[in-house]
Amino acid sequence: MLMQVSMRVISKGNALVHEMKQAGMPDDPTRYDHPVTMLYYLDSDRLVLTHCCDAGNRPRMVASISPDGKTVDFSFLDVSGNQQYGHIHHAMFTMIDANHHIEDWTYMMPGDKPVIAHFDLQRTKDLSGLSGK
């Protein structure tokens, strides 16, 4: 399945929004899976991720960065909202180069059953004027 991921800086450079949807699907987040993550923002001295999940909850994770600076690993901190259907529990971003990165997401299903999604993403040129990745 092809996915479209977009990232954009917001709030005068204080946060980065990460949006994901199935490629080719209409942009209707009320009907289709369209998770949004407020990726990178500083909370005091730590880098925090808040994921606004389609499951109706908002897990937060705290980053650690690999010594080479190419991998950002987000560990679960806490979650608010409905957890009936599970929640995102872990995220890892590995930078390959300026136009290529890998994302690994772990979704924890009820009963603590992990589901892992692996995305190998490359920057594309979006003709509609929106930046894509």
N, C-alpha and C. Protein backbone atom coordinates (compact mmCIF):
# COMPACT_ATOMS: atom_id res chain seq x y z
N MET A 1 0.85 -1.17 0.00
CA MET A 1 0.00 0.00 0.00
C MET A 1 0.90 1.24 0.00
N LEU A 2 0.64 2.16 -0.90
CA LEU A 2 1.39 3.41 -0.94
C LEU A 2 0.79 4.40 0.05
N MET A 3 1.67 5.09 0.77
CA MET A 3 1.24 6.09 1.75
C MET A 3 1.81 7.43 1.36
N GLN A 4 1.09 8.47 1.72
CA GLN A 4 1.56 9.83 1.52
C GLN A 4 1.80 10.42 2.90
N VAL A 5 3.01 10.90 3.13
CA VAL A 5 3.38 11.51 4.40
C VAL A 5 3.81 12.93 4.10
N SER A 6 3.26 13.86 4.84
CA SER A 6 3.72 15.25 4.69
C SER A 6 4.17 15.76 6.04
N MET A 7 5.15 16.63 6.00
CA MET A 7 5.67 17.26 7.20
C MET A 7 5.77 18.75 6.95
N ARG A 8 5.36 19.52 7.96
CA ARG A 8 5.49 20.97 7.83
C ARG A 8 5.74 21.60 9.18
N VAL A 9 6.52 22.64 9.15
CA VAL A 9 6.85 23.39 10.35
C VAL A 9 5.71 24.35 10.64
N ILE A 10 5.31 24.44 11.92
CA ILE A 10 4.23 25.34 12.34
C ILE A 10 4.66 26.10 13.58
N SER A 11 3.79 26.99 14.02
CA SER A 11 3.95 27.70 15.28
C SER A 11 5.30 28.41 15.38
N LYS A 12 5.61 29.19 14.34
CA LYS A 12 6.85 29.96 14.28
C LYS A 12 8.09 29.11 14.51
N GLY A 13 8.06 27.88 13.98
CA GLY A 13 9.22 27.01 14.07
C GLY A 13 9.30 26.20 15.35
N ASN A 14 8.26 26.23 16.17
CA ASN A 14 8.29 25.52 17.44
C ASN A 14 7.79 24.09 17.38
N ALA A 15 7.20 23.69 16.28
CA ALA A 15 6.68 22.31 16.17
C ALA A 15 6.71 21.87 14.71
N LEU A 16 6.66 20.57 14.54
CA LEU A 16 6.61 19.97 13.21
C LEU A 16 5.40 19.06 13.17
N VAL A 17 4.52 19.25 12.18
CA VAL A 17 3.34 18.41 12.01
C VAL A 17 3.66 17.32 11.00
N HIS A 18 3.28 16.11 11.32
CA HIS A 18 3.48 14.94 10.47
C HIS A 18 2.10 14.37 10.18
N GLU A 19 1.71 14.30 8.92
CA GLU A 19 0.41 13.76 8.54
C GLU A 19 0.62 12.59 7.60
N MET A 20 -0.23 11.57 7.76
CA MET A 20 -0.10 10.37 6.96
C MET A 20 -1.47 9.95 6.44
N LYS A 21 -1.52 9.55 5.18
CA LYS A 21 -2.76 9.02 4.62
C LYS A 21 -2.41 8.09 3.47
N GLN A 22 -3.37 7.25 3.11
CA GLN A 22 -3.17 6.35 1.98
C GLN A 22 -3.13 7.18 0.70
N ALA A 23 -2.13 6.94 -0.12
CA ALA A 23 -1.97 7.68 -1.37
C ALA A 23 -3.19 7.47 -2.26
N GLY A 24 -3.64 8.55 -2.88
CA GLY A 24 -4.75 8.48 -3.81
C GLY A 24 -6.12 8.59 -3.17
N MET A 25 -6.19 8.57 -1.84
CA MET A 25 -7.48 8.69 -1.16
C MET A 25 -7.83 10.17 -1.01
N PRO A 26 -9.11 10.51 -1.08
CA PRO A 26 -9.51 11.90 -0.90
C PRO A 26 -9.08 12.42 0.47
N ASP A 27 -8.82 13.70 0.55
CA ASP A 27 -8.40 14.31 1.81
C ASP A 27 -9.65 14.58 2.66
N ASP A 28 -10.14 13.55 3.30
CA ASP A 28 -11.33 13.65 4.14
C ASP A 28 -11.05 12.92 5.45
N PRO A 29 -10.41 13.60 6.42
CA PRO A 29 -10.03 12.93 7.66
C PRO A 29 -11.22 12.49 8.51
N THR A 30 -12.43 12.88 8.17
CA THR A 30 -13.60 12.39 8.91
C THR A 30 -14.02 11.00 8.44
N ARG A 31 -13.58 10.58 7.25
CA ARG A 31 -13.96 9.27 6.70
C ARG A 31 -12.80 8.30 6.61
N TYR A 32 -11.58 8.79 6.39
CA TYR A 32 -10.45 7.92 6.12
C TYR A 32 -9.39 8.08 7.20
N ASP A 33 -8.61 7.04 7.38
CA ASP A 33 -7.50 7.05 8.33
C ASP A 33 -6.57 8.20 7.99
N HIS A 34 -6.35 9.08 8.93
CA HIS A 34 -5.56 10.28 8.69
C HIS A 34 -4.89 10.72 9.99
N PRO A 35 -4.01 9.88 10.56
CA PRO A 35 -3.40 10.26 11.83
C PRO A 35 -2.48 11.46 11.68
N VAL A 36 -2.46 12.27 12.71
CA VAL A 36 -1.61 13.46 12.75
C VAL A 36 -0.72 13.36 13.98
N THR A 37 0.53 13.65 13.78
CA THR A 37 1.47 13.66 14.89
C THR A 37 2.13 15.02 14.94
N MET A 38 2.09 15.64 16.11
CA MET A 38 2.87 16.85 16.34
C MET A 38 4.24 16.33 16.75
N LEU A 39 5.12 16.22 15.79
CA LEU A 39 6.34 15.48 16.04
C LEU A 39 7.28 16.14 17.02
N TYR A 40 8.03 17.03 16.52
CA TYR A 40 9.13 17.54 17.32
C TYR A 40 8.74 18.86 17.98
N TYR A 41 8.67 18.86 19.28
CA TYR A 41 8.57 20.12 19.99
C TYR A 41 9.31 19.97 21.31
N LEU A 42 9.90 21.05 21.74
CA LEU A 42 10.66 21.00 22.98
C LEU A 42 9.75 21.27 24.17
N ASP A 43 9.86 20.41 25.17
CA ASP A 43 9.16 20.56 26.43
C ASP A 43 10.25 20.63 27.48
N SER A 44 10.59 21.85 27.88
CA SER A 44 11.76 22.09 28.73
C SER A 44 13.00 21.61 28.00
N ASP A 45 13.64 20.56 28.51
CA ASP A 45 14.90 20.10 27.90
C ASP A 45 14.73 18.77 27.15
N ARG A 46 13.50 18.39 26.85
CA ARG A 46 13.29 17.11 26.16
C ARG A 46 12.48 17.31 24.89
N LEU A 47 12.75 16.45 23.92
CA LEU A 47 12.04 16.46 22.65
C LEU A 47 10.86 15.50 22.79
N VAL A 48 9.64 16.01 22.55
CA VAL A 48 8.42 15.24 22.79
C VAL A 48 7.63 15.08 21.49
N LEU A 49 6.97 13.94 21.36
CA LEU A 49 6.07 13.65 20.26
C LEU A 49 4.69 13.44 20.87
N THR A 50 3.68 14.08 20.31
CA THR A 50 2.29 13.81 20.67
C THR A 50 1.57 13.35 19.41
N HIS A 51 0.95 12.18 19.50
CA HIS A 51 0.26 11.59 18.35
C HIS A 51 -1.24 11.74 18.56
N CYS A 52 -1.93 12.38 17.62
CA CYS A 52 -3.39 12.52 17.68
C CYS A 52 -3.97 11.37 16.87
N CYS A 53 -4.35 10.31 17.57
CA CYS A 53 -4.67 9.04 16.93
C CYS A 53 -6.13 8.94 16.51
N ASP A 54 -6.36 8.23 15.41
CA ASP A 54 -7.72 7.94 14.96
C ASP A 54 -8.47 7.07 15.97
N ALA A 55 -7.74 6.41 16.87
CA ALA A 55 -8.37 5.58 17.90
C ALA A 55 -8.96 6.43 19.04
N GLY A 56 -8.77 7.76 18.96
CA GLY A 56 -9.37 8.66 19.95
C GLY A 56 -8.50 8.91 21.16
N ASN A 57 -7.19 8.76 21.02
CA ASN A 57 -6.32 9.05 22.15
C ASN A 57 -5.11 9.84 21.69
N ARG A 58 -4.31 10.27 22.65
CA ARG A 58 -3.14 11.09 22.37
C ARG A 58 -1.94 10.61 23.20
N PRO A 59 -1.21 9.62 22.68
CA PRO A 59 0.00 9.19 23.38
C PRO A 59 1.12 10.21 23.21
N ARG A 60 1.94 10.31 24.25
CA ARG A 60 3.13 11.15 24.19
C ARG A 60 4.35 10.26 24.35
N MET A 61 5.40 10.64 23.65
CA MET A 61 6.66 9.90 23.71
C MET A 61 7.81 10.89 23.81
N VAL A 62 8.89 10.45 24.40
CA VAL A 62 10.07 11.28 24.60
C VAL A 62 11.22 10.71 23.78
N ALA A 63 11.99 11.60 23.15
CA ALA A 63 13.04 11.19 22.22
C ALA A 63 14.38 10.96 22.89
N SER A 64 15.09 10.01 22.29
CA SER A 64 16.53 9.89 22.51
C SER A 64 17.14 9.84 21.11
N ILE A 65 18.31 10.42 20.98
CA ILE A 65 18.95 10.53 19.67
C ILE A 65 20.22 9.69 19.67
N SER A 66 20.40 8.94 18.58
CA SER A 66 21.59 8.08 18.46
C SER A 66 22.84 8.95 18.44
N PRO A 67 23.99 8.38 18.82
CA PRO A 67 25.24 9.16 18.83
C PRO A 67 25.59 9.77 17.48
N ASP A 68 25.23 9.11 16.37
CA ASP A 68 25.53 9.67 15.05
C ASP A 68 24.49 10.69 14.59
N GLY A 69 23.42 10.89 15.38
CA GLY A 69 22.40 11.88 15.06
C GLY A 69 21.44 11.47 13.97
N LYS A 70 21.52 10.25 13.49
CA LYS A 70 20.68 9.82 12.37
C LYS A 70 19.39 9.13 12.79
N THR A 71 19.29 8.70 14.03
CA THR A 71 18.10 8.01 14.50
C THR A 71 17.52 8.71 15.71
N VAL A 72 16.22 8.98 15.64
CA VAL A 72 15.49 9.54 16.77
C VAL A 72 14.51 8.47 17.22
N ASP A 73 14.66 8.04 18.45
CA ASP A 73 13.87 6.95 19.01
C ASP A 73 12.94 7.52 20.08
N PHE A 74 11.63 7.39 19.87
CA PHE A 74 10.65 7.92 20.80
C PHE A 74 10.09 6.81 21.68
N SER A 75 10.28 6.93 22.98
CA SER A 75 9.79 5.95 23.96
C SER A 75 8.52 6.46 24.60
N PHE A 76 7.60 5.55 24.89
CA PHE A 76 6.30 5.86 25.47
C PHE A 76 6.45 6.58 26.81
N LEU A 77 5.68 7.67 26.96
CA LEU A 77 5.65 8.42 28.21
C LEU A 77 4.30 8.23 28.90
N ASP A 78 3.21 8.60 28.19
CA ASP A 78 1.87 8.44 28.73
C ASP A 78 0.85 8.59 27.62
N VAL A 79 -0.42 8.36 27.93
CA VAL A 79 -1.48 8.47 26.93
C VAL A 79 -2.72 9.04 27.61
N SER A 80 -3.43 9.89 26.91
CA SER A 80 -4.73 10.38 27.39
C SER A 80 -5.79 10.01 26.36
N GLY A 81 -7.03 9.89 26.82
CA GLY A 81 -8.12 9.55 25.92
C GLY A 81 -8.43 8.07 25.92
N ASN A 82 -9.32 7.69 25.02
CA ASN A 82 -9.85 6.34 24.90
C ASN A 82 -8.76 5.34 24.49
N GLN A 83 -8.57 4.30 25.26
CA GLN A 83 -7.57 3.28 24.93
C GLN A 83 -8.22 1.94 24.58
N GLN A 84 -9.52 1.95 24.34
CA GLN A 84 -10.26 0.72 24.04
C GLN A 84 -9.67 -0.03 22.85
N TYR A 85 -9.20 0.69 21.84
CA TYR A 85 -8.70 0.07 20.63
C TYR A 85 -7.18 0.02 20.57
N GLY A 86 -6.52 0.42 21.62
CA GLY A 86 -5.06 0.43 21.66
C GLY A 86 -4.51 1.83 21.44
N HIS A 87 -3.19 1.92 21.28
CA HIS A 87 -2.54 3.22 21.11
C HIS A 87 -1.14 3.04 20.49
N ILE A 88 -0.64 4.09 19.89
CA ILE A 88 0.74 4.11 19.42
C ILE A 88 1.64 4.09 20.65
N HIS A 89 2.65 3.24 20.62
CA HIS A 89 3.48 3.04 21.81
C HIS A 89 4.95 3.39 21.59
N HIS A 90 5.37 3.42 20.34
CA HIS A 90 6.79 3.66 20.05
C HIS A 90 6.92 4.18 18.62
N ALA A 91 7.90 5.03 18.39
CA ALA A 91 8.19 5.51 17.04
C ALA A 91 9.69 5.70 16.90
N MET A 92 10.20 5.36 15.72
CA MET A 92 11.62 5.56 15.45
C MET A 92 11.78 6.11 14.04
N PHE A 93 12.58 7.15 13.92
CA PHE A 93 12.86 7.80 12.65
C PHE A 93 14.35 7.67 12.37
N THR A 94 14.68 7.11 11.21
CA THR A 94 16.08 6.95 10.82
C THR A 94 16.31 7.75 9.55
N MET A 95 17.21 8.72 9.62
CA MET A 95 17.51 9.58 8.48
C MET A 95 18.58 8.92 7.62
N ILE A 96 18.25 8.69 6.36
CA ILE A 96 19.20 8.10 5.42
C ILE A 96 19.98 9.22 4.73
N ASP A 97 19.25 10.19 4.17
CA ASP A 97 19.84 11.39 3.59
C ASP A 97 18.76 12.46 3.54
N ALA A 98 19.02 13.59 2.90
CA ALA A 98 18.07 14.71 2.90
C ALA A 98 16.74 14.38 2.22
N ASN A 99 16.71 13.34 1.40
CA ASN A 99 15.50 12.99 0.66
C ASN A 99 14.94 11.61 1.00
N HIS A 100 15.43 11.00 2.06
CA HIS A 100 15.07 9.62 2.34
C HIS A 100 15.16 9.36 3.85
N HIS A 101 14.08 8.84 4.42
CA HIS A 101 14.13 8.41 5.82
C HIS A 101 13.21 7.22 6.03
N ILE A 102 13.41 6.54 7.15
CA ILE A 102 12.62 5.37 7.51
C ILE A 102 11.87 5.67 8.80
N GLU A 103 10.61 5.25 8.85
CA GLU A 103 9.81 5.39 10.06
C GLU A 103 9.34 4.00 10.48
N ASP A 104 9.48 3.71 11.76
CA ASP A 104 8.96 2.48 12.35
C ASP A 104 8.04 2.88 13.49
N TRP A 105 6.79 2.44 13.41
CA TRP A 105 5.77 2.76 14.41
C TRP A 105 5.28 1.47 15.05
N THR A 106 5.12 1.46 16.36
CA THR A 106 4.56 0.31 17.06
C THR A 106 3.23 0.72 17.67
N TYR A 107 2.19 0.02 17.27
CA TYR A 107 0.84 0.22 17.80
C TYR A 107 0.57 -0.92 18.77
N MET A 108 0.18 -0.58 19.99
CA MET A 108 -0.10 -1.59 21.00
C MET A 108 -1.60 -1.85 21.01
N MET A 109 -1.98 -3.05 20.55
CA MET A 109 -3.38 -3.48 20.53
C MET A 109 -3.82 -3.83 21.94
N PRO A 110 -5.15 -3.92 22.17
CA PRO A 110 -5.61 -4.39 23.48
C PRO A 110 -4.97 -5.75 23.81
N GLY A 111 -4.65 -5.92 25.08
CA GLY A 111 -3.96 -7.14 25.49
C GLY A 111 -2.46 -7.05 25.28
N ASP A 112 -1.94 -5.85 25.04
CA ASP A 112 -0.51 -5.61 24.84
C ASP A 112 0.07 -6.41 23.68
N LYS A 113 -0.67 -6.46 22.57
CA LYS A 113 -0.20 -7.13 21.36
C LYS A 113 0.34 -6.07 20.40
N PRO A 114 1.66 -6.05 20.14
CA PRO A 114 2.23 -5.02 19.28
C PRO A 114 2.01 -5.30 17.79
N VAL A 115 1.73 -4.24 17.05
CA VAL A 115 1.67 -4.28 15.59
C VAL A 115 2.67 -3.24 15.09
N ILE A 116 3.60 -3.67 14.26
CA ILE A 116 4.66 -2.78 13.80
C ILE A 116 4.44 -2.40 12.34
N ALA A 117 4.53 -1.11 12.08
CA ALA A 117 4.44 -0.59 10.70
C ALA A 117 5.79 0.00 10.33
N HIS A 118 6.30 -0.39 9.17
CA HIS A 118 7.60 0.07 8.68
C HIS A 118 7.38 0.84 7.38
N PHE A 119 7.87 2.07 7.33
CA PHE A 119 7.72 2.91 6.15
C PHE A 119 9.09 3.36 5.66
N ASP A 120 9.40 3.10 4.41
CA ASP A 120 10.63 3.56 3.77
C ASP A 120 10.21 4.70 2.85
N LEU A 121 10.48 5.93 3.28
CA LEU A 121 9.92 7.12 2.63
C LEU A 121 10.97 7.90 1.86
N GLN A 122 10.59 8.31 0.65
CA GLN A 122 11.46 9.12 -0.18
C GLN A 122 10.70 10.37 -0.61
N ARG A 123 11.41 11.48 -0.62
CA ARG A 123 10.80 12.75 -1.02
C ARG A 123 10.36 12.67 -2.47
N THR A 124 9.16 13.22 -2.72
CA THR A 124 8.65 13.31 -4.09
C THR A 124 8.36 14.76 -4.41
N LYS A 125 8.24 15.05 -5.68
CA LYS A 125 7.86 16.39 -6.11
C LYS A 125 6.36 16.38 -6.30
N ASP A 126 5.66 17.16 -5.51
CA ASP A 126 4.20 17.20 -5.55
C ASP A 126 3.76 18.36 -6.44
N LEU A 127 3.10 18.06 -7.50
CA LEU A 127 2.71 19.07 -8.49
C LEU A 127 1.59 19.98 -8.01
N SER A 128 0.90 19.61 -6.96
CA SER A 128 -0.22 20.43 -6.49
C SER A 128 0.25 21.58 -5.61
N GLY A 129 1.56 21.67 -5.36
CA GLY A 129 2.07 22.75 -4.52
C GLY A 129 2.25 22.35 -3.07
N LEU A 130 1.81 21.16 -2.71
CA LEU A 130 2.01 20.68 -1.35
C LEU A 130 3.28 19.88 -1.30
N SER A 131 4.03 20.03 -0.24
CA SER A 131 5.26 19.24 -0.15
C SER A 131 4.91 17.86 0.36
N GLY A 132 5.51 16.87 -0.22
CA GLY A 132 5.27 15.49 0.20
C GLY A 132 6.56 14.82 0.55
N LYS A 133 6.43 13.73 1.22
CA LYS A 133 7.61 12.95 1.55
C LYS A 133 7.25 11.52 1.43
